[in-house]
Amino acid sequence: MTFIGAFQYSPLVALVATTAIVLTPAYALWLFHRVSYGSLSPYLTTIYSDITIKELHCLLPLLLLTFYFGLQPEAILSYTIMPALGLLSAFTPLISTRGFASKSTDYTSSNNVSSTSTISSANSSL
C-alpha cells in the first residue's frame, strides 16, 4: 500500500525501491551467515538439508496467504475497518476532553464512512 502512489507517479522508481526492499534483507541475512559461520563445508552438504517436503507442504499455505494479503490487503482490511472505527469513535471524546486533539480534528470522518449511523452500527456489532 505504501508504493501505490509511487507506482502512479513513476513506475520505474517504485520498481527499483520495491526491489531494494526485497533484496536488502536477503543480502543482510547472507552477510550475517557468512560473517558468523563462514562458508559451508562440502562435508556438511549431505547432513545439511534446508527443508523437508512435509515442512514445505505445511509452510506453503502460509506463504501463499502472505503473498495474497500483501497484494490484496482489502481482504483483511474490509473486516477490520468497522470495529476500528467503532473503537476510534468510543475514544474520540476521551481524547478531545484531555486536550490531546484539537477541537477541529474529526477522527471519524473518512472516505469509507459517510455518516454517524455507520459508526453507530459498528458500535452495536462490537
C-alpha atoms as a PDB file:
ATOM      1  CA  MET A   1       0.000   0.000   0.000  1.00  0.00           C
ATOM      2  CA  THR A   2       2.950   2.291   0.539  1.00  0.00           C
ATOM      3  CA  PHE A   3       4.136   2.244  -3.051  1.00  0.00           C
ATOM      4  CA  ILE A   4       0.779   2.757  -4.766  1.00  0.00           C
ATOM      5  CA  GLY A   5       1.403   6.490  -5.107  1.00  0.00           C
ATOM      6  CA  ALA A   6       4.953   5.874  -6.251  1.00  0.00           C
ATOM      7  CA  PHE A   7       3.765   3.479  -8.973  1.00  0.00           C
ATOM      8  CA  GLN A   8       1.317   6.101 -10.193  1.00  0.00           C
ATOM      9  CA  TYR A   9       3.980   8.799 -10.209  1.00  0.00           C
ATOM     10  CA  SER A  10       6.938   6.836 -11.525  1.00  0.00           C
ATOM     11  CA  PRO A  11       6.725   3.068 -12.054  1.00  0.00           C
ATOM     12  CA  LEU A  12      10.478   2.742 -12.593  1.00  0.00           C
ATOM     13  CA  VAL A  13      11.369   4.391  -9.282  1.00  0.00           C
ATOM     14  CA  ALA A  14       8.764   2.309  -7.460  1.00  0.00           C
ATOM     15  CA  LEU A  15      10.085  -0.882  -9.063  1.00  0.00           C
ATOM     16  CA  VAL A  16      13.650  -0.068  -8.019  1.00  0.00           C
ATOM     17  CA  ALA A  17      12.530   0.793  -4.477  1.00  0.00           C
ATOM     18  CA  THR A  18      10.469  -2.382  -4.164  1.00  0.00           C
ATOM     19  CA  THR A  19      13.355  -4.492  -5.454  1.00  0.00           C
ATOM     20  CA  ALA A  20      15.705  -2.852  -2.980  1.00  0.00           C
ATOM     21  CA  ILE A  21      13.320  -3.543  -0.104  1.00  0.00           C
ATOM     22  CA  VAL A  22      13.191  -7.218  -1.060  1.00  0.00           C
ATOM     23  CA  LEU A  23      16.894  -7.712  -1.761  1.00  0.00           C
ATOM     24  CA  THR A  24      18.307  -5.780   1.215  1.00  0.00           C
ATOM     25  CA  PRO A  25      17.154  -8.209   3.930  1.00  0.00           C
ATOM     26  CA  ALA A  26      18.219 -11.171   1.784  1.00  0.00           C
ATOM     27  CA  TYR A  27      21.694  -9.710   1.444  1.00  0.00           C
ATOM     28  CA  ALA A  28      21.815  -8.844   5.167  1.00  0.00           C
ATOM     29  CA  LEU A  29      20.953 -12.426   6.109  1.00  0.00           C
ATOM     30  CA  TRP A  30      23.505 -13.824   3.666  1.00  0.00           C
ATOM     31  CA  LEU A  31      26.151 -11.435   5.004  1.00  0.00           C
ATOM     32  CA  PHE A  32      25.350 -12.318   8.630  1.00  0.00           C
ATOM     33  CA  HIS A  33      25.597 -16.021   7.832  1.00  0.00           C
ATOM     34  CA  ARG A  34      28.944 -15.600   6.076  1.00  0.00           C
ATOM     35  CA  VAL A  35      30.390 -13.457   8.878  1.00  0.00           C
ATOM     36  CA  SER A  36      29.106 -15.669  11.678  1.00  0.00           C
ATOM     37  CA  TYR A  37      29.623 -19.123  10.247  1.00  0.00           C
ATOM     38  CA  GLY A  38      31.884 -18.772   7.229  1.00  0.00           C
ATOM     39  CA  SER A  39      31.324 -20.720   4.060  1.00  0.00           C
ATOM     40  CA  LEU A  40      29.534 -24.060   4.107  1.00  0.00           C
ATOM     41  CA  SER A  41      31.861 -27.019   4.239  1.00  0.00           C
ATOM     42  CA  PRO A  42      31.447 -29.530   1.409  1.00  0.00           C
ATOM     43  CA  TYR A  43      31.472 -32.311   4.018  1.00  0.00           C
ATOM     44  CA  LEU A  44      28.279 -30.963   5.599  1.00  0.00           C
ATOM     45  CA  THR A  45      26.199 -30.855   2.434  1.00  0.00           C
ATOM     46  CA  THR A  46      24.985 -34.432   2.895  1.00  0.00           C
ATOM     47  CA  ILE A  47      23.886 -33.744   6.505  1.00  0.00           C
ATOM     48  CA  TYR A  48      22.681 -30.190   5.977  1.00  0.00           C
ATOM     49  CA  SER A  49      19.199 -30.151   4.474  1.00  0.00           C
ATOM     50  CA  ASP A  50      17.224 -26.944   4.426  1.00  0.00           C
ATOM     51  CA  ILE A  51      13.611 -28.088   4.462  1.00  0.00           C
ATOM     52  CA  THR A  52      11.816 -31.387   4.017  1.00  0.00           C
ATOM     53  CA  ILE A  53       8.842 -31.913   1.730  1.00  0.00           C
ATOM     54  CA  LYS A  54       6.484 -32.234   4.725  1.00  0.00           C
ATOM     55  CA  GLU A  55       7.664 -28.901   6.107  1.00  0.00           C
ATOM     56  CA  LEU A  56       7.242 -27.334   2.688  1.00  0.00           C
ATOM     57  CA  HIS A  57       3.640 -28.575   2.492  1.00  0.00           C
ATOM     58  CA  CYS A  58       2.945 -27.056   5.912  1.00  0.00           C
ATOM     59  CA  LEU A  59       4.541 -23.715   5.053  1.00  0.00           C
ATOM     60  CA  LEU A  60       3.204 -23.356   1.518  1.00  0.00           C
ATOM     61  CA  PRO A  61      -0.334 -22.235   2.522  1.00  0.00           C
ATOM     62  CA  LEU A  62       1.136 -19.657   4.903  1.00  0.00           C
ATOM     63  CA  LEU A  63       3.454 -18.390   2.191  1.00  0.00           C
ATOM     64  CA  LEU A  64       0.623 -18.119  -0.319  1.00  0.00           C
ATOM     65  CA  LEU A  65      -1.622 -16.319   2.184  1.00  0.00           C
ATOM     66  CA  THR A  66       1.207 -13.918   2.994  1.00  0.00           C
ATOM     67  CA  PHE A  67       1.608 -13.012  -0.659  1.00  0.00           C
ATOM     68  CA  TYR A  68      -2.162 -12.792  -1.187  1.00  0.00           C
ATOM     69  CA  PHE A  69      -2.737 -10.468   1.768  1.00  0.00           C
ATOM     70  CA  GLY A  70       0.308  -8.443   0.767  1.00  0.00           C
ATOM     71  CA  LEU A  71      -1.045  -7.924  -2.740  1.00  0.00           C
ATOM     72  CA  GLN A  72      -4.740  -7.653  -1.747  1.00  0.00           C
ATOM     73  CA  PRO A  73      -4.831  -6.076   1.746  1.00  0.00           C
ATOM     74  CA  GLU A  74      -8.511  -5.177   1.284  1.00  0.00           C
ATOM     75  CA  ALA A  75      -9.328  -8.824   2.011  1.00  0.00           C
ATOM     76  CA  ILE A  76      -8.371  -8.252   5.669  1.00  0.00           C
ATOM     77  CA  LEU A  77      -8.960  -4.510   5.950  1.00  0.00           C
ATOM     78  CA  SER A  78     -12.610  -4.805   4.890  1.00  0.00           C
ATOM     79  CA  TYR A  79     -13.276  -6.901   8.005  1.00  0.00           C
ATOM     80  CA  THR A  80     -11.353  -4.675  10.403  1.00  0.00           C
ATOM     81  CA  ILE A  81     -12.457  -1.183   9.338  1.00  0.00           C
ATOM     82  CA  MET A  82     -15.797  -1.143  11.151  1.00  0.00           C
ATOM     83  CA  PRO A  83     -14.509  -2.414  14.532  1.00  0.00           C
ATOM     84  CA  ALA A  84     -11.591   0.013  14.274  1.00  0.00           C
ATOM     85  CA  LEU A  85     -13.936   2.922  13.583  1.00  0.00           C
ATOM     86  CA  GLY A  86     -16.124   1.823  16.487  1.00  0.00           C
ATOM     87  CA  LEU A  87     -13.161   1.866  18.857  1.00  0.00           C
ATOM     88  CA  LEU A  88     -11.996   5.169  17.455  1.00  0.00           C
ATOM     89  CA  SER A  89     -15.388   6.782  17.951  1.00  0.00           C
ATOM     90  CA  ALA A  90     -15.504   5.429  21.517  1.00  0.00           C
ATOM     91  CA  PHE A  91     -12.169   7.022  22.400  1.00  0.00           C
ATOM     92  CA  THR A  92     -12.565  10.290  20.464  1.00  0.00           C
ATOM     93  CA  PRO A  93     -14.454  12.108  23.271  1.00  0.00           C
ATOM     94  CA  LEU A  94     -11.838  10.996  25.781  1.00  0.00           C
ATOM     95  CA  ILE A  95      -9.005  12.251  23.595  1.00  0.00           C
ATOM     96  CA  SER A  96     -10.659  15.598  22.879  1.00  0.00           C
ATOM     97  CA  THR A  97     -11.530  16.287  26.549  1.00  0.00           C
ATOM     98  CA  ARG A  98      -7.993  15.618  27.713  1.00  0.00           C
ATOM     99  CA  GLY A  99      -6.551  18.113  25.243  1.00  0.00           C
ATOM    100  CA  PHE A 100      -4.668  15.640  23.055  1.00  0.00           C
ATOM    101  CA  ALA A 101      -6.526  16.644  19.921  1.00  0.00           C
ATOM    102  CA  SER A 102      -7.634  19.998  18.630  1.00  0.00           C
ATOM    103  CA  LYS A 103     -11.328  20.832  18.519  1.00  0.00           C
ATOM    104  CA  SER A 104     -11.360  20.801  14.713  1.00  0.00           C
ATOM    105  CA  THR A 105      -9.978  17.260  14.428  1.00  0.00           C
ATOM    106  CA  ASP A 106     -12.643  14.733  13.489  1.00  0.00           C
ATOM    107  CA  TYR A 107     -11.288  11.192  13.644  1.00  0.00           C
ATOM    108  CA  THR A 108     -14.484   9.560  12.452  1.00  0.00           C
ATOM    109  CA  SER A 109     -14.630  11.224   9.051  1.00  0.00           C
ATOM    110  CA  SER A 110     -13.027   9.382   6.175  1.00  0.00           C
ATOM    111  CA  ASN A 111     -13.837   8.344   2.663  1.00  0.00           C
ATOM    112  CA  ASN A 112     -15.192   5.000   3.857  1.00  0.00           C
ATOM    113  CA  VAL A 113     -17.604   6.439   6.435  1.00  0.00           C
ATOM    114  CA  SER A 114     -20.389   8.625   5.140  1.00  0.00           C
ATOM    115  CA  SER A 115     -22.431   9.198   8.276  1.00  0.00           C
ATOM    116  CA  THR A 116     -22.538   8.616  12.005  1.00  0.00           C
ATOM    117  CA  SER A 117     -25.085   5.821  11.523  1.00  0.00           C
ATOM    118  CA  THR A 118     -22.319   3.666  10.095  1.00  0.00           C
ATOM    119  CA  ILE A 119     -20.229   4.245  13.192  1.00  0.00           C
ATOM    120  CA  SER A 120     -23.139   3.516  15.498  1.00  0.00           C
ATOM    121  CA  SER A 121     -23.788   0.264  13.640  1.00  0.00           C
ATOM    122  CA  ALA A 122     -20.137  -0.598  14.150  1.00  0.00           C
ATOM    123  CA  ASN A 123     -20.532   0.080  17.870  1.00  0.00           C
ATOM    124  CA  SER A 124     -23.586  -2.162  18.065  1.00  0.00           C
ATOM    125  CA  SER A 125     -21.732  -5.015  16.337  1.00  0.00           C
ATOM    126  CA  LEU A 126     -18.993  -4.913  18.984  1.00  0.00           C
END
